[in-house]
C-alpha atoms as a PDB file:
ATOM      1  CA  MET A   1      57.555   4.425 -26.900  1.00  0.00           C
ATOM      2  CA  PRO A   2      57.311   8.193 -26.707  1.00  0.00           C
ATOM      3  CA  PHE A   3      57.350  10.251 -23.530  1.00  0.00           C
ATOM      4  CA  GLU A   4      53.938  11.874 -23.152  1.00  0.00           C
ATOM      5  CA  THR A   5      54.052  15.620 -22.596  1.00  0.00           C
ATOM      6  CA  THR A   6      50.370  16.367 -21.976  1.00  0.00           C
ATOM      7  CA  TYR A   7      48.106  15.054 -19.236  1.00  0.00           C
ATOM      8  CA  ALA A   8      45.168  13.201 -20.776  1.00  0.00           C
ATOM      9  CA  SER A   9      41.838  14.448 -19.448  1.00  0.00           C
ATOM     10  CA  HIS A  10      40.173  11.167 -20.441  1.00  0.00           C
ATOM     11  CA  ALA A  11      41.632   8.214 -18.565  1.00  0.00           C
ATOM     12  CA  PRO A  12      41.285   4.548 -19.389  1.00  0.00           C
ATOM     13  CA  THR A  13      39.382   2.410 -16.916  1.00  0.00           C
ATOM     14  CA  ARG A  14      41.187   0.423 -14.242  1.00  0.00           C
ATOM     15  CA  ALA A  15      40.192  -2.780 -16.064  1.00  0.00           C
ATOM     16  CA  GLU A  16      41.764  -1.466 -19.288  1.00  0.00           C
ATOM     17  CA  VAL A  17      44.981  -0.517 -17.477  1.00  0.00           C
ATOM     18  CA  ASP A  18      45.165  -3.869 -15.699  1.00  0.00           C
ATOM     19  CA  THR A  19      45.091  -5.731 -19.027  1.00  0.00           C
ATOM     20  CA  LEU A  20      47.814  -3.709 -20.782  1.00  0.00           C
ATOM     21  CA  PRO A  21      50.656  -5.995 -21.882  1.00  0.00           C
ATOM     22  CA  GLY A  22      54.241  -5.363 -20.818  1.00  0.00           C
ATOM     23  CA  LEU A  23      55.446  -2.407 -18.786  1.00  0.00           C
ATOM     24  CA  THR A  24      53.295   0.690 -18.299  1.00  0.00           C
ATOM     25  CA  LEU A  25      54.298   3.803 -16.375  1.00  0.00           C
ATOM     26  CA  LEU A  26      51.298   5.715 -15.082  1.00  0.00           C
ATOM     27  CA  GLU A  27      51.931   9.348 -14.229  1.00  0.00           C
ATOM     28  CA  PHE A  28      49.186  11.074 -12.250  1.00  0.00           C
ATOM     29  CA  GLY A  29      49.166  14.867 -11.940  1.00  0.00           C
ATOM     30  CA  THR A  30      47.999  18.116 -13.536  1.00  0.00           C
ATOM     31  CA  ASP A  31      49.458  20.779 -15.805  1.00  0.00           C
ATOM     32  CA  TRP A  32      49.098  23.492 -13.151  1.00  0.00           C
ATOM     33  CA  CYS A  33      50.855  21.541 -10.352  1.00  0.00           C
ATOM     34  CA  GLY A  34      54.291  22.971  -9.548  1.00  0.00           C
ATOM     35  CA  HIS A  35      55.610  19.597  -8.348  1.00  0.00           C
ATOM     36  CA  CYS A  36      54.385  17.998 -11.592  1.00  0.00           C
ATOM     37  CA  ARG A  37      56.074  20.641 -13.737  1.00  0.00           C
ATOM     38  CA  ALA A  38      59.325  20.279 -11.763  1.00  0.00           C
ATOM     39  CA  ALA A  39      59.319  16.499 -12.310  1.00  0.00           C
ATOM     40  CA  GLN A  40      59.008  16.687 -16.114  1.00  0.00           C
ATOM     41  CA  GLY A  41      62.714  17.185 -16.861  1.00  0.00           C
ATOM     42  CA  PRO A  42      63.913  14.342 -14.622  1.00  0.00           C
ATOM     43  CA  LEU A  43      61.118  12.081 -15.870  1.00  0.00           C
ATOM     44  CA  ALA A  44      61.854  12.815 -19.544  1.00  0.00           C
ATOM     45  CA  ALA A  45      65.556  12.095 -18.955  1.00  0.00           C
ATOM     46  CA  ALA A  46      64.781   8.830 -17.162  1.00  0.00           C
ATOM     47  CA  MET A  47      62.378   7.687 -19.891  1.00  0.00           C
ATOM     48  CA  ALA A  48      64.734   8.492 -22.783  1.00  0.00           C
ATOM     49  CA  GLU A  49      65.334   5.448 -24.958  1.00  0.00           C
ATOM     50  CA  ARG A  50      63.203   3.156 -22.785  1.00  0.00           C
ATOM     51  CA  ASP A  51      60.586   0.903 -24.282  1.00  0.00           C
ATOM     52  CA  ILE A  52      57.964   1.547 -21.619  1.00  0.00           C
ATOM     53  CA  ARG A  53      54.383   2.660 -22.305  1.00  0.00           C
ATOM     54  CA  HIS A  54      53.820   6.037 -20.609  1.00  0.00           C
ATOM     55  CA  LEU A  55      50.310   7.142 -19.697  1.00  0.00           C
ATOM     56  CA  LYS A  56      50.136  10.689 -18.359  1.00  0.00           C
ATOM     57  CA  ILE A  57      46.776  10.968 -16.615  1.00  0.00           C
ATOM     58  CA  GLU A  58      45.175  14.167 -15.327  1.00  0.00           C
ATOM     59  CA  ASP A  59      44.100  13.516 -11.758  1.00  0.00           C
ATOM     60  CA  GLY A  60      41.792  15.242  -9.314  1.00  0.00           C
ATOM     61  CA  PRO A  61      38.582  14.848  -7.335  1.00  0.00           C
ATOM     62  CA  GLY A  62      36.207  12.354  -8.880  1.00  0.00           C
ATOM     63  CA  ARG A  63      38.833  10.853 -11.205  1.00  0.00           C
ATOM     64  CA  ALA A  64      38.233   7.119 -10.917  1.00  0.00           C
ATOM     65  CA  LEU A  65      41.620   5.819 -12.097  1.00  0.00           C
ATOM     66  CA  GLY A  66      43.612   7.887  -9.620  1.00  0.00           C
ATOM     67  CA  ARG A  67      41.268   6.910  -6.807  1.00  0.00           C
ATOM     68  CA  SER A  68      41.586   3.222  -7.705  1.00  0.00           C
ATOM     69  CA  PHE A  69      45.360   3.541  -7.177  1.00  0.00           C
ATOM     70  CA  ARG A  70      44.854   5.641  -4.018  1.00  0.00           C
ATOM     71  CA  VAL A  71      46.816   8.571  -5.417  1.00  0.00           C
ATOM     72  CA  LYS A  72      47.088  11.329  -2.818  1.00  0.00           C
ATOM     73  CA  LEU A  73      49.926  13.609  -4.016  1.00  0.00           C
ATOM     74  CA  TRP A  74      51.136  14.697  -7.448  1.00  0.00           C
ATOM     75  CA  PRO A  75      52.979  13.647  -9.352  1.00  0.00           C
ATOM     76  CA  THR A  76      52.667   9.969  -8.538  1.00  0.00           C
ATOM     77  CA  LEU A  77      54.444   7.503 -10.822  1.00  0.00           C
ATOM     78  CA  ILE A  78      53.317   3.872 -10.824  1.00  0.00           C
ATOM     79  CA  LEU A  79      55.056   1.214 -12.896  1.00  0.00           C
ATOM     80  CA  LEU A  80      52.905  -1.776 -13.805  1.00  0.00           C
ATOM     81  CA  ARG A  81      53.721  -5.069 -15.488  1.00  0.00           C
ATOM     82  CA  GLU A  82      50.623  -6.863 -16.779  1.00  0.00           C
ATOM     83  CA  GLY A  83      48.534  -4.863 -14.273  1.00  0.00           C
ATOM     84  CA  GLU A  84      50.722  -5.666 -11.248  1.00  0.00           C
ATOM     85  CA  GLU A  85      52.279  -2.697  -9.451  1.00  0.00           C
ATOM     86  CA  LEU A  86      56.072  -2.939  -9.390  1.00  0.00           C
ATOM     87  CA  PHE A  87      56.869   0.415  -7.830  1.00  0.00           C
ATOM     88  CA  ARG A  88      55.445   3.782  -6.883  1.00  0.00           C
ATOM     89  CA  LEU A  89      57.264   7.091  -6.598  1.00  0.00           C
ATOM     90  CA  VAL A  90      55.607  10.174  -5.166  1.00  0.00           C
ATOM     91  CA  ARG A  91      56.984  13.605  -6.070  1.00  0.00           C
ATOM     92  CA  PRO A  92      60.287  12.408  -7.520  1.00  0.00           C
ATOM     93  CA  THR A  93      62.861  15.183  -7.806  1.00  0.00           C
ATOM     94  CA  SER A  94      65.737  13.551  -9.662  1.00  0.00           C
ATOM     95  CA  SER A  95      66.160  11.437 -12.739  1.00  0.00           C
ATOM     96  CA  THR A  96      68.524   9.189 -10.754  1.00  0.00           C
ATOM     97  CA  THR A  97      65.717   8.091  -8.443  1.00  0.00           C
ATOM     98  CA  ILE A  98      63.418   7.377 -11.377  1.00  0.00           C
ATOM     99  CA  VAL A  99      66.122   5.563 -13.374  1.00  0.00           C
ATOM    100  CA  GLU A 100      67.052   3.361 -10.409  1.00  0.00           C
ATOM    101  CA  ALA A 101      63.416   2.422  -9.849  1.00  0.00           C
ATOM    102  CA  LEU A 102      62.808   1.733 -13.548  1.00  0.00           C
ATOM    103  CA  ASP A 103      65.987  -0.336 -13.890  1.00  0.00           C
ATOM    104  CA  LEU A 104      65.347  -2.386 -10.779  1.00  0.00           C
ATOM    105  CA  SER A 105      61.730  -3.035 -11.652  1.00  0.00           C
ATOM    106  CA  SER A 106      61.981  -3.569 -15.393  1.00  0.00           C
ATOM    107  CA  ASN A 107      65.170  -5.658 -15.319  1.00  0.00           C
ATOM    108  CA  LYS A 108      64.521  -7.735 -12.249  1.00  0.00           C
ATOM    109  CA  GLY A 109      60.796  -7.404 -11.723  1.00  0.00           C
ATOM    110  CA  ALA A 110      61.461  -6.537  -8.093  1.00  0.00           C
ATOM    111  CA  ASN A 111      59.305  -4.422  -5.835  1.00  0.00           C
ATOM    112  CA  LEU A 112      60.761  -1.384  -4.187  1.00  0.00           C
ATOM    113  CA  PRO A 113      60.032  -0.753  -0.529  1.00  0.00           C
END
């Protein structure tokens, strides 16, 4: 599945996200956020050749999906399997961190501390 490059201003509902089949990586942030921009290279590298749905969601005050996941800082990455949270990374700075989390979660279904 392709790596999304643009934050979607219209987000699915929490119920819609919770019923998505397979693995889904939610990325919460904004185009103007420096931390979000800095994370794009490492995230793109980590997602290369992975069959994981990627939803890039614009977040901010009053955005229901981000609030339902209690997102506080950007970017926040949340990997879900069938609506169950497998891991969460906040402000990742390296592709190694993202790759390790994706591999552990998608291959073993384990939760990260």
